[in-house]
């Protein structure tokens, strides 16, 4: 049994299934777990491990689960679930917790909280407004100051070649 914590897992397969006595609809995703998150980065496990993550597809869980599936690049085909190649090649952060199940401690695997749904549009609008307040320069008040006197015109006449001193050229 792995310790509780965050791990790096690579999707092996996914299947739409029915779980338990009530036949609760879910997508079961199997991962190969290769690394554990430590303070100094990912640490390779001594041996790869397997983990199964269930995303329930009930009315109550639909919004949460579909947001996670979208973040993984789910193809939308519950008959043949697949995910974006980038998700498959870079892996997914998984969270392992220990739970008591019928008197036995078992591993409970979930997608880590870094995989999330996009915030609601009203939340995004509020955040954009706050950000724009920081980024918007204040508008000046009153009349603009008149520019100073224009510089005197200069002659664009090239000097005669005999006036050039090669030692005076700054390069």
Protein backbone atom coordinates (compact mmCIF):
# COMPACT_ATOMS: atom_id res chain seq x y z
CA UNK A 1 0.00 0.00 0.00
CA UNK A 2 1.34 3.42 -0.96
CA UNK A 3 1.55 6.27 1.55
CA UNK A 4 -1.05 9.00 1.45
CA UNK A 5 -0.04 11.86 -0.82
CA UNK A 6 0.17 13.02 -4.42
CA UNK A 7 1.46 10.79 -7.19
CA UNK A 8 2.08 10.97 -10.92
CA UNK A 9 0.00 8.51 -12.92
CA UNK A 10 -0.39 7.68 -16.59
CA UNK A 11 -3.79 6.62 -17.96
CA UNK A 12 -3.79 2.99 -19.05
CA UNK A 13 -7.48 2.61 -19.85
CA UNK A 14 -10.94 3.84 -19.03
CA UNK A 15 -14.30 2.13 -19.09
CA UNK A 16 -17.85 3.22 -18.43
CA UNK A 17 -19.20 1.00 -15.70
CA UNK A 18 -21.89 0.54 -13.07
CA UNK A 19 -20.68 0.36 -9.47
CA UNK A 20 -22.17 -1.29 -6.37
CA UNK A 21 -25.59 -2.66 -5.54
CA UNK A 22 -27.29 0.44 -6.94
CA UNK A 23 -25.37 0.15 -10.22
CA UNK A 24 -24.18 3.75 -10.03
CA UNK A 25 -22.89 4.91 -13.41
CA UNK A 26 -19.21 5.89 -13.44
CA UNK A 27 -16.09 6.05 -15.54
CA UNK A 28 -13.34 3.89 -14.07
CA UNK A 29 -9.86 5.02 -15.11
CA UNK A 30 -6.85 2.83 -14.45
CA UNK A 31 -3.45 4.52 -14.04
CA UNK A 32 0.13 3.32 -13.81
CA UNK A 33 1.58 5.25 -10.86
CA UNK A 34 5.29 5.97 -11.27
CA UNK A 35 6.33 8.85 -8.97
CA UNK A 36 5.48 10.43 -5.63
CA UNK A 37 5.42 14.20 -5.06
CA UNK A 38 8.09 15.24 -2.55
CA UNK A 39 9.27 18.69 -1.49
CA UNK A 40 12.12 18.51 -4.01
CA UNK A 41 9.98 17.29 -6.95
CA UNK A 42 8.83 13.92 -8.30
CA UNK A 43 10.58 10.91 -6.81
CA UNK A 44 10.50 7.65 -8.75
CA UNK A 45 8.79 4.77 -6.95
CA UNK A 46 10.76 1.57 -6.41
CA UNK A 47 8.18 -0.24 -8.55
CA UNK A 48 5.24 1.04 -10.53
CA UNK A 49 1.84 0.65 -8.93
CA UNK A 50 -1.73 0.63 -10.28
CA UNK A 51 -4.54 2.94 -9.21
CA UNK A 52 -8.18 3.18 -10.20
CA UNK A 53 -10.08 6.45 -10.10
CA UNK A 54 -13.88 6.47 -10.31
CA UNK A 55 -15.76 9.50 -11.58
CA UNK A 56 -19.44 9.07 -10.83
CA UNK A 57 -21.92 10.13 -13.50
CA UNK A 58 -25.04 10.61 -11.36
CA UNK A 59 -27.11 13.79 -11.56
CA UNK A 60 -25.47 15.06 -8.35
CA UNK A 61 -21.92 14.34 -9.53
CA UNK A 62 -22.39 15.16 -13.23
CA UNK A 63 -21.06 18.75 -13.17
CA UNK A 64 -18.03 17.85 -11.03
CA UNK A 65 -17.16 14.72 -13.02
CA UNK A 66 -17.66 16.21 -16.46
CA UNK A 67 -15.42 19.16 -15.52
CA UNK A 68 -12.68 16.71 -14.55
CA UNK A 69 -13.21 14.74 -17.76
CA UNK A 70 -13.00 17.92 -19.86
CA UNK A 71 -9.76 18.89 -18.12
CA UNK A 72 -8.34 15.48 -19.08
CA UNK A 73 -9.37 15.99 -22.71
CA UNK A 74 -12.10 13.34 -22.71
CA UNK A 75 -13.38 12.53 -26.21
CA UNK A 76 -17.02 12.43 -25.06
CA UNK A 77 -17.53 8.82 -26.15
CA UNK A 78 -18.74 6.80 -23.14
CA UNK A 79 -18.68 3.64 -25.26
CA UNK A 80 -14.95 4.06 -26.00
CA UNK A 81 -13.48 6.67 -23.61
CA UNK A 82 -10.18 8.23 -24.73
CA UNK A 83 -8.19 11.26 -23.60
CA UNK A 84 -5.93 13.92 -25.17
CA UNK A 85 -2.49 12.73 -26.19
CA UNK A 86 -0.95 15.48 -24.04
CA UNK A 87 -2.75 14.09 -20.96
CA UNK A 88 -1.59 10.59 -21.80
CA UNK A 89 2.04 11.58 -22.39
CA UNK A 90 2.51 14.03 -19.49
CA UNK A 91 0.53 12.12 -16.89
CA UNK A 92 -1.93 13.26 -14.26
CA UNK A 93 -1.49 14.16 -10.60
CA UNK A 94 -3.40 11.70 -8.45
CA UNK A 95 -4.15 11.85 -4.74
CA UNK A 96 -4.01 8.76 -2.56
CA UNK A 97 -5.88 8.70 0.74
CA UNK A 98 -6.41 5.87 3.17
CA UNK A 99 -9.96 4.97 4.17
CA UNK A 100 -11.52 2.36 6.38
CA UNK A 101 -13.69 0.01 4.33
CA UNK A 102 -15.43 -2.78 6.22
CA UNK A 103 -12.72 -2.82 8.90
CA UNK A 104 -9.80 -2.71 6.43
CA UNK A 105 -7.64 0.26 5.48
CA UNK A 106 -7.77 0.72 1.70
CA UNK A 107 -6.36 3.17 -0.81
CA UNK A 108 -8.82 5.71 -2.20
CA UNK A 109 -7.56 7.37 -5.39
CA UNK A 110 -8.81 10.65 -6.81
CA UNK A 111 -7.72 13.12 -9.43
CA UNK A 112 -5.76 15.82 -7.60
CA UNK A 113 -7.49 19.14 -7.14
CA UNK A 114 -5.27 20.78 -9.77
CA UNK A 115 -7.58 19.35 -12.39
CA UNK A 116 -10.58 21.61 -12.16
CA UNK A 117 -13.44 23.09 -14.08
CA UNK A 118 -13.43 26.59 -15.45
CA UNK A 119 -15.02 29.04 -13.03
CA UNK A 120 -18.51 30.34 -13.74
CA UNK A 121 -18.75 33.32 -16.09
CA UNK A 122 -19.92 35.75 -13.38
CA UNK A 123 -16.90 34.80 -11.24
CA UNK A 124 -14.56 35.32 -14.18
CA UNK A 125 -16.16 38.70 -14.94
CA UNK A 126 -15.60 39.85 -11.35
CA UNK A 127 -11.98 38.70 -11.40
CA UNK A 128 -11.37 40.41 -14.76
CA UNK A 129 -12.83 43.64 -13.39
CA UNK A 130 -10.56 43.47 -10.33
CA UNK A 131 -7.53 42.79 -12.49
CA UNK A 132 -8.35 45.60 -14.88
CA UNK A 133 -8.56 48.02 -11.95
CA UNK A 134 -4.97 47.16 -11.12
CA UNK A 135 -3.77 47.42 -14.69
CA UNK A 136 -5.63 50.57 -15.74
CA UNK A 137 -3.59 53.75 -15.30
CA UNK A 138 -5.42 56.63 -13.67
CA UNK A 139 -6.71 59.28 -16.06
CA UNK A 140 -5.17 62.74 -15.67
CA UNK A 141 -7.39 65.50 -14.38
CA UNK A 142 -7.48 69.04 -15.67
CA UNK A 143 -6.02 70.49 -18.84
CA UNK A 144 -2.88 69.02 -20.35
CA UNK A 145 0.32 71.00 -19.92
CA UNK A 146 1.44 72.83 -23.08
CA UNK A 147 4.60 71.43 -24.62
CA UNK A 148 7.82 73.37 -24.18
CA UNK A 149 9.45 75.42 -26.92
CA UNK A 150 10.23 73.39 -30.01
CA UNK A 151 13.93 72.81 -30.62
CA UNK A 152 15.67 75.01 -33.17
CA UNK A 153 15.96 73.48 -36.59
CA UNK A 154 19.37 72.18 -37.52
CA UNK A 155 21.04 71.90 -40.86
CA UNK A 156 21.09 68.44 -42.31
CA UNK A 157 23.96 69.42 -44.62
CA UNK A 158 26.66 66.80 -44.64
CA UNK A 159 30.10 68.13 -43.75
CA UNK A 160 32.66 68.34 -46.49
CA UNK A 161 35.04 65.40 -46.58
CA UNK A 162 37.98 67.60 -45.68
CA UNK A 163 36.14 68.53 -42.42
CA UNK A 164 36.05 64.89 -41.26
CA UNK A 165 38.57 63.85 -38.66
CA UNK A 166 38.81 60.03 -38.41
CA UNK A 167 39.98 60.34 -34.79
CA UNK A 168 36.78 62.22 -33.84
CA UNK A 169 34.47 59.39 -34.96
CA UNK A 170 33.32 57.60 -31.76
CA UNK A 171 33.59 54.01 -33.05
